[in-house]
Protein backbone atom coordinates (compact mmCIF):
# COMPACT_ATOMS: atom_id res chain seq x y z
CA UNK A 1 82.74 91.39 113.12
CA UNK A 2 84.94 91.55 116.16
CA UNK A 3 84.15 92.40 119.78
CA UNK A 4 86.44 93.79 122.38
CA UNK A 5 85.39 94.29 125.99
CA UNK A 6 88.81 95.25 127.35
CA UNK A 7 88.36 99.07 127.05
CA UNK A 8 86.12 101.16 129.25
CA UNK A 9 82.84 102.30 127.75
CA UNK A 10 80.98 105.26 129.21
CA UNK A 11 77.26 105.76 129.06
CA UNK A 12 76.01 109.35 128.74
CA UNK A 13 72.37 110.04 129.41
CA UNK A 14 70.55 112.96 127.82
CA UNK A 15 69.83 114.45 131.20
CA UNK A 16 73.51 114.64 132.10
CA UNK A 17 75.65 117.78 131.44
CA UNK A 18 78.26 115.68 129.62
CA UNK A 19 75.77 114.79 126.87
CA UNK A 20 76.64 116.85 123.78
CA UNK A 21 74.75 120.14 123.56
CA UNK A 22 74.63 119.78 119.78
CA UNK A 23 72.40 116.76 120.20
CA UNK A 24 70.18 118.14 122.94
CA UNK A 25 68.58 120.66 120.65
CA UNK A 26 66.94 117.90 118.56
CA UNK A 27 63.98 115.87 119.68
CA UNK A 28 64.90 112.62 117.89
CA UNK A 29 68.31 112.07 119.55
CA UNK A 30 68.95 108.95 121.66
CA UNK A 31 68.37 109.04 125.38
CA UNK A 32 71.76 107.41 125.88
CA UNK A 33 75.11 107.46 124.12
CA UNK A 34 77.85 104.88 124.64
CA UNK A 35 81.39 106.19 124.25
CA UNK A 36 84.80 104.67 123.88
CA UNK A 37 87.61 107.17 124.06
CA UNK A 38 86.94 110.92 123.95
CA UNK A 39 84.10 113.11 122.68
CA UNK A 40 84.69 115.94 120.17
CA UNK A 41 85.75 119.25 121.64
CA UNK A 42 82.60 121.45 121.60
CA UNK A 43 84.77 124.53 121.18
CA UNK A 44 86.20 123.32 117.84
CA UNK A 45 84.38 123.13 114.49
CA UNK A 46 83.35 119.70 113.21
CA UNK A 47 82.83 118.44 109.68
CA UNK A 48 81.32 115.06 108.65
CA UNK A 49 82.80 113.38 105.56
CA UNK A 50 80.66 110.62 104.12
CA UNK A 51 80.34 108.75 100.84
CA UNK A 52 80.33 105.50 98.96
CA UNK A 53 81.75 102.30 100.32
CA UNK A 54 82.68 101.06 96.87
CA UNK A 55 84.37 104.33 95.88
CA UNK A 56 86.74 105.18 93.03
CA UNK A 57 90.44 105.99 93.44
CA UNK A 58 89.49 109.61 92.73
CA UNK A 59 86.96 109.65 95.58
CA UNK A 60 89.33 107.90 97.96
CA UNK A 61 92.09 110.43 97.36
CA UNK A 62 89.79 113.44 97.60
CA UNK A 63 88.22 112.27 100.88
CA UNK A 64 91.72 111.81 102.34
CA UNK A 65 92.99 115.16 101.11
CA UNK A 66 89.90 117.18 102.11
CA UNK A 67 89.93 115.60 105.59
CA UNK A 68 93.65 116.27 105.98
CA UNK A 69 93.37 119.87 104.87
CA UNK A 70 90.50 120.51 107.25
CA UNK A 71 92.29 118.76 110.12
CA UNK A 72 95.42 120.82 109.52
CA UNK A 73 93.20 123.90 109.96
CA UNK A 74 91.91 122.59 113.31
CA UNK A 75 88.60 121.08 112.12
CA UNK A 76 87.45 117.82 113.77
CA UNK A 77 86.40 115.09 111.33
CA UNK A 78 83.46 112.79 112.03
CA UNK A 79 82.36 109.82 109.93
CA UNK A 80 80.95 106.30 110.14
CA UNK A 81 84.07 104.16 109.78
CA UNK A 82 82.62 102.27 106.81
CA UNK A 83 84.96 101.09 104.09
CA UNK A 84 85.72 103.54 101.32
CA UNK A 85 85.11 107.24 101.77
CA UNK A 86 84.37 107.12 105.52
CA UNK A 87 87.66 105.31 106.22
CA UNK A 88 89.67 107.71 104.08
CA UNK A 89 88.08 110.65 105.89
CA UNK A 90 89.25 109.25 109.23
CA UNK A 91 92.74 108.52 107.91
CA UNK A 92 93.03 111.99 106.36
CA UNK A 93 92.10 113.60 109.69
CA UNK A 94 94.76 111.60 111.51
CA UNK A 95 97.30 112.47 108.85
CA UNK A 96 96.43 116.13 109.43
CA UNK A 97 97.28 115.82 113.09
CA UNK A 98 93.80 115.82 114.58
CA UNK A 99 91.81 113.19 116.40
CA UNK A 100 88.74 111.79 114.60
CA UNK A 101 85.42 110.26 115.66
CA UNK A 102 83.38 107.40 114.34
CA UNK A 103 79.63 106.97 114.87
CA UNK A 104 78.76 103.27 114.59
CA UNK A 105 75.68 101.27 113.70
CA UNK A 106 76.75 98.66 116.27
CA UNK A 107 77.80 98.72 119.91
CA UNK A 108 80.96 100.80 120.52
CA UNK A 109 82.88 97.58 121.34
CA UNK A 110 81.93 95.91 118.04
CA UNK A 111 84.40 96.82 115.25
CA UNK A 112 82.42 96.80 112.04
CA UNK A 113 83.67 96.16 109.45
CA UNK A 114 86.20 93.86 111.06
CA UNK A 115 88.71 94.77 108.35
CA UNK A 116 88.91 98.26 109.94
CA UNK A 117 90.27 96.94 113.25
CA UNK A 118 93.58 98.84 112.81
CA UNK A 119 91.70 102.06 112.06
CA UNK A 120 89.34 101.48 115.00
CA UNK A 121 92.29 101.09 117.36
CA UNK A 122 94.19 104.01 115.85
CA UNK A 123 91.21 106.34 116.35
CA UNK A 124 91.23 105.48 120.04
CA UNK A 125 95.00 105.57 120.37
CA UNK A 126 95.19 109.08 118.88
CA UNK A 127 92.66 110.62 121.28
CA UNK A 128 89.59 110.26 119.16
CA UNK A 129 86.44 108.26 119.98
CA UNK A 130 83.89 105.72 119.04
CA UNK A 131 80.26 106.77 119.53
CA UNK A 132 77.06 104.73 119.41
CA UNK A 133 73.47 104.81 120.61
CA UNK A 134 73.58 101.02 120.89
CA UNK A 135 74.75 99.22 124.06
CA UNK A 136 77.94 97.21 124.13
CA UNK A 137 77.65 93.88 122.32
CA UNK A 138 74.99 95.08 119.85
CA UNK A 139 75.64 93.66 116.43
CA UNK A 140 75.17 95.81 113.32
CA UNK A 141 71.84 95.70 111.55
CA UNK A 142 70.90 97.30 108.24
CA UNK A 143 68.37 99.61 109.85
CA UNK A 144 70.94 100.86 112.41
CA UNK A 145 72.94 102.71 109.82
CA UNK A 146 70.35 105.20 108.51
CA UNK A 147 69.41 105.94 112.15
CA UNK A 148 73.03 106.57 113.23
CA UNK A 149 73.38 109.14 110.45
CA UNK A 150 71.20 111.62 112.30
CA UNK A 151 73.82 111.58 115.18
CA UNK A 152 76.67 111.97 112.75
CA UNK A 153 75.16 115.05 111.11
CA UNK A 154 73.98 116.55 114.41
CA UNK A 155 77.51 116.47 115.85
CA UNK A 156 78.88 118.26 112.78
CA UNK A 157 78.71 121.87 111.66
CA UNK A 158 78.71 120.88 108.03
CA UNK A 159 78.49 117.66 105.94
CA UNK A 160 80.64 116.88 102.91
CA UNK A 161 79.48 114.10 100.57
CA UNK A 162 82.23 112.52 98.47
CA UNK A 163 80.86 110.19 95.82
CA UNK A 164 77.36 108.82 96.15
CA UNK A 165 74.96 107.02 93.83
CA UNK A 166 71.48 108.45 93.35
CA UNK A 167 70.17 106.12 96.03
CA UNK A 168 72.79 106.17 98.78
CA UNK A 169 73.04 106.13 102.53
CA UNK A 170 75.18 109.24 102.29
CA UNK A 171 72.18 111.13 100.96
CA UNK A 172 70.30 110.13 104.08
CA UNK A 173 73.03 111.88 106.09
CA UNK A 174 72.71 114.90 103.87
CA UNK A 175 68.98 114.96 104.36
CA UNK A 176 69.32 114.78 108.13
CA UNK A 177 71.83 117.63 107.94
CA UNK A 178 69.42 119.81 105.98
CA UNK A 179 66.62 119.09 108.40
CA UNK A 180 68.94 120.09 111.25
CA UNK A 181 69.86 123.35 109.48
CA UNK A 182 73.44 122.28 108.73
CA UNK A 183 75.41 123.23 105.61
CA UNK A 184 75.74 120.43 103.05
CA UNK A 185 78.53 120.30 100.43
CA UNK A 186 79.10 117.83 97.66
CA UNK A 187 82.25 116.96 95.68
CA UNK A 188 81.75 117.17 91.87
CA UNK A 189 82.94 114.38 89.62
CA UNK A 190 82.71 113.08 86.05
CA UNK A 191 79.13 113.49 84.76
CA UNK A 192 79.14 109.97 83.27
CA UNK A 193 80.15 108.23 86.55
CA UNK A 194 77.40 106.53 88.56
CA UNK A 195 79.23 107.51 91.79
CA UNK A 196 78.93 111.19 90.92
CA UNK A 197 75.18 111.25 90.31
CA UNK A 198 74.20 111.59 93.98
CA UNK A 199 76.64 114.48 94.50
CA UNK A 200 75.52 116.24 91.35
CA UNK A 201 71.92 115.88 92.37
CA UNK A 202 72.74 117.46 95.74
CA UNK A 203 74.46 120.33 93.96
CA UNK A 204 71.53 120.76 91.59
CA UNK A 205 69.22 120.90 94.62
CA UNK A 206 71.29 123.65 96.23
CA UNK A 207 74.15 121.97 98.14
CA UNK A 208 77.46 123.80 98.18
CA UNK A 209 79.98 122.96 95.47
CA UNK A 210 83.07 121.61 97.24
CA UNK A 211 85.50 122.41 94.43
CA UNK A 212 88.35 122.87 96.94
CA UNK A 213 88.77 122.36 100.70
CA UNK A 214 89.14 126.05 101.31
CA UNK A 215 85.43 126.50 100.48
CA UNK A 216 84.59 124.39 103.56
CA UNK A 217 87.04 126.34 105.72
CA UNK A 218 85.39 129.59 104.68
CA UNK A 219 81.96 128.15 105.57
CA UNK A 220 83.34 127.38 109.02
CA UNK A 221 84.79 130.87 109.40
CA UNK A 222 88.39 129.80 109.09
CA UNK A 223 90.86 131.93 107.14
CA UNK A 224 92.22 129.47 104.56
CA UNK A 225 94.91 131.92 103.45
CA UNK A 226 96.89 131.07 106.58
CA UNK A 227 97.10 127.39 105.59
CA UNK A 228 100.44 126.52 104.07
CA UNK A 229 100.39 123.47 101.80
CA UNK A 230 103.23 121.14 102.61
CA UNK A 231 103.06 119.72 99.08
CA UNK A 232 104.21 123.08 97.75
CA UNK A 233 107.13 123.03 100.17
CA UNK A 234 108.09 119.55 99.07
CA UNK A 235 108.02 120.52 95.43
CA UNK A 236 110.62 123.23 96.04
CA UNK A 237 114.11 122.07 95.26
CA UNK A 238 113.11 118.97 93.29
CA UNK A 239 115.57 117.96 90.61
CA UNK A 240 114.38 118.89 87.09
CA UNK A 241 113.57 115.30 86.08
CA UNK A 242 111.62 114.68 89.31
CA UNK A 243 109.74 117.95 88.89
CA UNK A 244 108.91 117.12 85.27
CA UNK A 245 107.37 113.77 86.19
CA UNK A 246 105.61 115.22 89.23
CA UNK A 247 104.19 118.07 87.17
CA UNK A 248 102.61 115.81 84.57
CA UNK A 249 100.61 113.97 87.26
CA UNK A 250 97.27 115.00 88.72
CA UNK A 251 94.48 113.48 90.82
CA UNK A 252 93.27 111.21 88.00
CA UNK A 253 95.22 107.96 87.58
CA UNK A 254 97.87 108.04 84.87
CA UNK A 255 99.80 105.12 83.48
CA UNK A 256 103.59 104.88 83.45
CA UNK A 257 103.47 104.66 79.64
CA UNK A 258 101.59 107.94 79.45
CA UNK A 259 104.14 109.62 81.73
CA UNK A 260 106.95 108.32 79.52
CA UNK A 261 105.27 109.76 76.42
CA UNK A 262 104.74 113.15 78.02
CA UNK A 263 108.21 113.47 79.51
CA UNK A 264 110.27 111.65 76.88
CA UNK A 265 112.10 109.74 79.62
CA UNK A 266 113.07 106.07 79.37
CA UNK A 267 111.15 103.34 81.10
CA UNK A 268 113.99 102.79 83.55
CA UNK A 269 114.39 106.51 84.33
CA UNK A 270 110.61 107.01 84.70
CA UNK A 271 110.32 104.03 87.03
CA UNK A 272 113.12 105.17 89.29
CA UNK A 273 111.72 108.71 89.51
CA UNK A 274 108.29 107.40 90.38
CA UNK A 275 109.77 105.28 93.16
CA UNK A 276 111.61 108.34 94.51
CA UNK A 277 108.48 110.50 94.37
CA UNK A 278 106.57 107.76 96.17
CA UNK A 279 109.15 107.68 98.96
CA UNK A 280 108.88 111.49 99.23
CA UNK A 281 105.12 111.10 99.70
CA UNK A 282 104.33 113.04 96.51
CA UNK A 283 102.78 110.28 94.38
CA UNK A 284 100.93 107.04 95.01
CA UNK A 285 100.70 103.93 92.88
CA UNK A 286 97.01 103.09 93.13
CA UNK A 287 97.24 100.01 90.84
CA UNK A 288 100.03 98.39 88.88
CA UNK A 289 101.86 101.10 86.94
CA UNK A 290 99.11 103.72 87.51
CA UNK A 291 99.96 106.79 89.56
CA UNK A 292 98.29 109.84 91.05
CA UNK A 293 99.64 113.04 92.58
CA UNK A 294 99.25 113.40 96.35
CA UNK A 295 98.51 116.89 97.55
CA UNK A 296 99.63 116.70 101.15
């Protein structure tokens, strides 16, 4: 954990007009909020993206891509800055050209986890904000995190859960959202994966099936047909060998050997193409010699 007192922190009381209207309608909201940076624009839609800390590569990629697509359509992304899904949601929002907001279970000047210091600073640098009900200097406690989730969901117009075990803090956020009358969506995954069970349970219980980002945009009243995917632009004009390798990849990790078998290319040729696609921002090596397609 790290503490930083160098930046200004504002205190908003519930009685003040600056206090978010979205929170004022609920009885269990804090009397005070402590803010570093900016607050979300009340005129723009907000979506919370939450999920497992120990997430899979699939979940990490999906959280990033969903957040980026929503941000490109003008949606503000809110999360909890935890490792895993939360962090990827913040990064995806920033990659989509929008500020993002983190609701912490510590004081707003306490970066937790400390490993997210660069993300913490980037959120502030790119006109987002750090929000907490706890005064400066407050260290994180286990019981702070379930409580902060009510603020996270209240600030949002919908909540997306990306990977969650059957007993997960993300499901607490979903429960708060349902009690607040917010829409809840869950990302489907492999039925045999522990990290998918919480999401599948939410879907079984009536949550929206987030099979593509456009479903969320439609829920928010945004015309997804106007969104142009830059990945489709990048794919235009690719040389035939590059396009062949790119086309055989998807969002599930695939080994270089599998790519060679599908394309019939040599190891040297396949390796050089993968390097080029990586430079173009079309693929990512998530572990040694395992690659996934990036839908930017």
